[in-house]
Amino acid sequence: MRKYYHLLLIFGFSVFVCCPAHSEDTNSTLTFHVVSEAKIEGGRFIEAPGLGKPGYISCKPDLTVTNLQEVFTEKGVKTVIMPDKDGKDTILPNDLPQYLVVRLRPEDTKQFLALTERTVGKRLLVMLGDKPLAGWEGNSRFPEAQFEIPFNDPAELKKTEDDLKKLIR
């Protein structure tokens, strides 16, 4: 009986050492969802920043990204130049928030660009795990394999940046 106990102990230890635990950051993925006004069978209702009106998303994402190339913080421009009705340029203050720039890896670029091409005229939502990060009204295509997430709260920006950087491998 002692022999089996030792074998069980050795087996249990080897499984513990050889199989890494799944932490929260390894299970997080960046997902993209097309948002519908109509209820989606098996989907869920969602509200998110930048999305405008709420809608429904499918339980299966339209694109899943598990590795990122780069994540960095950018500040919005402090001023903008607006022409007036006489054609003269006027410099106005601009209070754009800080934002995160998320750059995808080359292997995800094609799928991301194809998705944004398909969603012109629709709404698109990006989520990290179960948390909505940003939404876009699909009025234009993304020219590159990167996107921006605006933040008004510096603490939330920092936490999200740290979470996204866990996807850089």
Protein backbone atom coordinates (compact mmCIF):
# COMPACT_ATOMS: atom_id res chain seq x y z
CA MET A 1 0.00 0.00 0.00
CA ARG A 2 2.86 2.35 0.79
CA LYS A 3 4.27 1.70 -2.66
CA TYR A 4 1.04 2.93 -4.31
CA TYR A 5 0.95 5.95 -2.03
CA HIS A 6 4.49 6.91 -3.13
CA LEU A 7 3.63 6.38 -6.80
CA LEU A 8 0.52 8.54 -6.42
CA LEU A 9 2.56 11.22 -4.65
CA ILE A 10 5.23 11.21 -7.38
CA PHE A 11 2.61 11.28 -10.14
CA GLY A 12 0.74 14.14 -8.47
CA PHE A 13 3.93 16.15 -8.02
CA SER A 14 5.00 15.62 -11.65
CA VAL A 15 1.59 16.78 -12.91
CA PHE A 16 1.79 19.85 -10.66
CA VAL A 17 5.30 20.76 -11.88
CA CYS A 18 4.87 19.92 -15.57
CA CYS A 19 1.44 21.40 -16.19
CA PRO A 20 1.44 25.15 -15.64
CA ALA A 21 -1.57 26.64 -13.91
CA HIS A 22 -3.88 28.68 -16.03
CA SER A 23 -3.90 32.17 -14.65
CA GLU A 24 -6.30 34.95 -15.53
CA ASP A 25 -3.90 36.53 -18.02
CA THR A 26 -3.33 33.34 -20.03
CA ASN A 27 -7.06 32.86 -20.49
CA SER A 28 -7.69 36.46 -21.61
CA THR A 29 -8.11 37.02 -25.29
CA LEU A 30 -8.94 40.03 -27.37
CA THR A 31 -12.17 39.41 -29.25
CA PHE A 32 -14.01 41.37 -31.91
CA HIS A 33 -17.78 41.17 -32.36
CA VAL A 34 -20.16 42.58 -34.93
CA VAL A 35 -23.02 44.21 -33.02
CA SER A 36 -26.61 43.71 -34.15
CA GLU A 37 -29.75 45.65 -33.28
CA ALA A 38 -31.73 42.41 -33.54
CA LYS A 39 -31.56 39.78 -30.82
CA ILE A 40 -29.13 36.98 -31.69
CA GLU A 41 -30.04 33.41 -30.75
CA GLY A 42 -27.62 32.31 -28.02
CA GLY A 43 -26.05 35.78 -27.97
CA ARG A 44 -26.12 38.46 -25.33
CA PHE A 45 -27.13 42.10 -24.89
CA ILE A 46 -24.19 44.51 -24.65
CA GLU A 47 -23.52 48.19 -23.91
CA ALA A 48 -20.02 49.56 -24.42
CA PRO A 49 -18.14 52.87 -24.62
CA GLY A 50 -18.07 54.32 -28.13
CA LEU A 51 -20.68 51.89 -29.36
CA GLY A 52 -23.51 54.39 -29.42
CA LYS A 53 -26.72 52.50 -28.81
CA PRO A 54 -26.58 49.05 -27.21
CA GLY A 55 -27.09 45.87 -29.17
CA TYR A 56 -26.52 42.13 -29.29
CA ILE A 57 -23.38 40.11 -29.92
CA SER A 58 -22.98 36.46 -30.78
CA CYS A 59 -21.47 34.14 -28.19
CA LYS A 60 -18.83 33.27 -30.81
CA PRO A 61 -16.54 36.21 -31.67
CA ASP A 62 -15.96 37.24 -35.28
CA LEU A 63 -12.21 37.42 -34.58
CA THR A 64 -10.10 36.23 -31.66
CA VAL A 65 -6.56 37.49 -31.02
CA THR A 66 -4.34 35.83 -28.42
CA ASN A 67 -1.00 37.56 -29.16
CA LEU A 68 -0.32 41.25 -29.68
CA GLN A 69 2.68 42.93 -31.22
CA GLU A 70 2.63 46.17 -29.25
CA VAL A 71 0.54 48.26 -26.86
CA PHE A 72 1.41 51.86 -26.01
CA THR A 73 -0.13 55.07 -24.71
CA GLU A 74 -0.67 58.18 -26.82
CA LYS A 75 -2.05 61.57 -25.90
CA GLY A 76 -4.58 63.38 -28.01
CA VAL A 77 -3.56 66.55 -29.81
CA LYS A 78 -3.87 69.74 -27.75
CA THR A 79 -5.18 71.93 -30.57
CA VAL A 80 -6.97 71.55 -33.88
CA ILE A 81 -7.07 73.91 -36.85
CA MET A 82 -10.58 74.68 -38.07
CA PRO A 83 -11.29 76.87 -41.10
CA ASP A 84 -14.04 79.42 -40.54
CA LYS A 85 -16.70 80.43 -43.11
CA ASP A 86 -14.31 82.99 -44.65
CA GLY A 87 -11.61 80.34 -45.19
CA LYS A 88 -9.35 81.61 -42.39
CA ASP A 89 -7.83 79.02 -40.10
CA THR A 90 -8.64 79.23 -36.41
CA ILE A 91 -6.70 77.29 -33.78
CA LEU A 92 -9.03 75.78 -31.19
CA PRO A 93 -8.24 73.83 -28.01
CA ASN A 94 -8.91 70.13 -28.17
CA ASP A 95 -9.56 68.03 -25.07
CA LEU A 96 -9.09 64.57 -26.57
CA PRO A 97 -8.39 61.93 -23.93
CA GLN A 98 -5.38 59.69 -23.75
CA TYR A 99 -5.69 56.48 -25.65
CA LEU A 100 -4.06 53.11 -26.04
CA VAL A 101 -2.76 52.06 -29.40
CA VAL A 102 -3.02 48.30 -29.90
CA ARG A 103 -0.95 46.87 -32.75
CA LEU A 104 -1.71 43.36 -33.99
CA ARG A 105 0.85 40.77 -35.04
CA PRO A 106 1.31 40.15 -38.78
CA GLU A 107 -0.52 36.80 -38.64
CA ASP A 108 -3.68 38.53 -37.35
CA THR A 109 -3.43 41.54 -39.66
CA LYS A 110 -5.19 39.97 -42.65
CA GLN A 111 -8.13 38.74 -40.58
CA PHE A 112 -8.48 42.09 -38.78
CA LEU A 113 -8.43 44.11 -42.00
CA ALA A 114 -10.91 41.71 -43.64
CA LEU A 115 -13.24 42.02 -40.64
CA THR A 116 -13.13 45.82 -40.65
CA GLU A 117 -13.73 45.79 -44.41
CA ARG A 118 -16.84 43.59 -43.91
CA THR A 119 -18.18 45.75 -41.09
CA VAL A 120 -18.27 49.11 -42.88
CA GLY A 121 -21.76 50.40 -42.08
CA LYS A 122 -22.04 48.14 -39.01
CA ARG A 123 -20.93 48.42 -35.41
CA LEU A 124 -17.88 46.59 -34.12
CA LEU A 125 -17.01 45.85 -30.49
CA VAL A 126 -13.62 44.83 -29.06
CA MET A 127 -13.47 43.02 -25.72
CA LEU A 128 -10.71 41.79 -23.44
CA GLY A 129 -12.00 38.60 -21.90
CA ASP A 130 -15.54 39.51 -20.82
CA LYS A 131 -14.85 43.26 -20.56
CA PRO A 132 -15.94 45.59 -23.39
CA LEU A 133 -13.07 47.94 -24.26
CA ALA A 134 -14.35 50.02 -27.16
CA GLY A 135 -16.85 50.10 -29.94
CA TRP A 136 -16.84 51.67 -33.36
CA GLU A 137 -19.50 52.72 -35.74
CA GLY A 138 -18.16 51.15 -38.92
CA ASN A 139 -18.12 54.29 -41.05
CA SER A 140 -14.63 53.64 -42.35
CA ARG A 141 -12.03 50.93 -42.79
CA PHE A 142 -8.93 50.59 -40.67
CA PRO A 143 -5.92 51.27 -42.89
CA GLU A 144 -3.51 49.41 -40.61
CA ALA A 145 -3.53 46.47 -38.24
CA GLN A 146 -3.90 48.69 -35.22
CA PHE A 147 -6.66 50.49 -33.40
CA GLU A 148 -7.03 53.00 -30.58
CA ILE A 149 -9.00 52.82 -27.35
CA PRO A 150 -9.77 56.22 -25.76
CA PHE A 151 -9.71 56.69 -21.96
CA ASN A 152 -10.77 59.56 -19.74
CA ASP A 153 -9.60 57.84 -16.53
CA PRO A 154 -5.78 57.44 -16.27
CA ALA A 155 -6.11 54.60 -13.74
CA GLU A 156 -8.38 52.60 -16.07
CA LEU A 157 -6.01 53.27 -18.96
CA LYS A 158 -3.05 51.94 -16.94
CA LYS A 159 -4.92 48.81 -15.80
CA THR A 160 -6.10 48.03 -19.33
CA GLU A 161 -2.61 48.67 -20.73
CA ASP A 162 -1.11 46.26 -18.20
CA ASP A 163 -3.75 43.62 -19.04
CA LEU A 164 -3.19 43.99 -22.78
CA LYS A 165 0.59 43.82 -22.42
CA LYS A 166 0.16 40.31 -21.01
CA LEU A 167 -0.84 39.34 -24.56
CA ILE A 168 2.53 40.42 -25.96
CA ARG A 169 4.60 37.27 -26.40
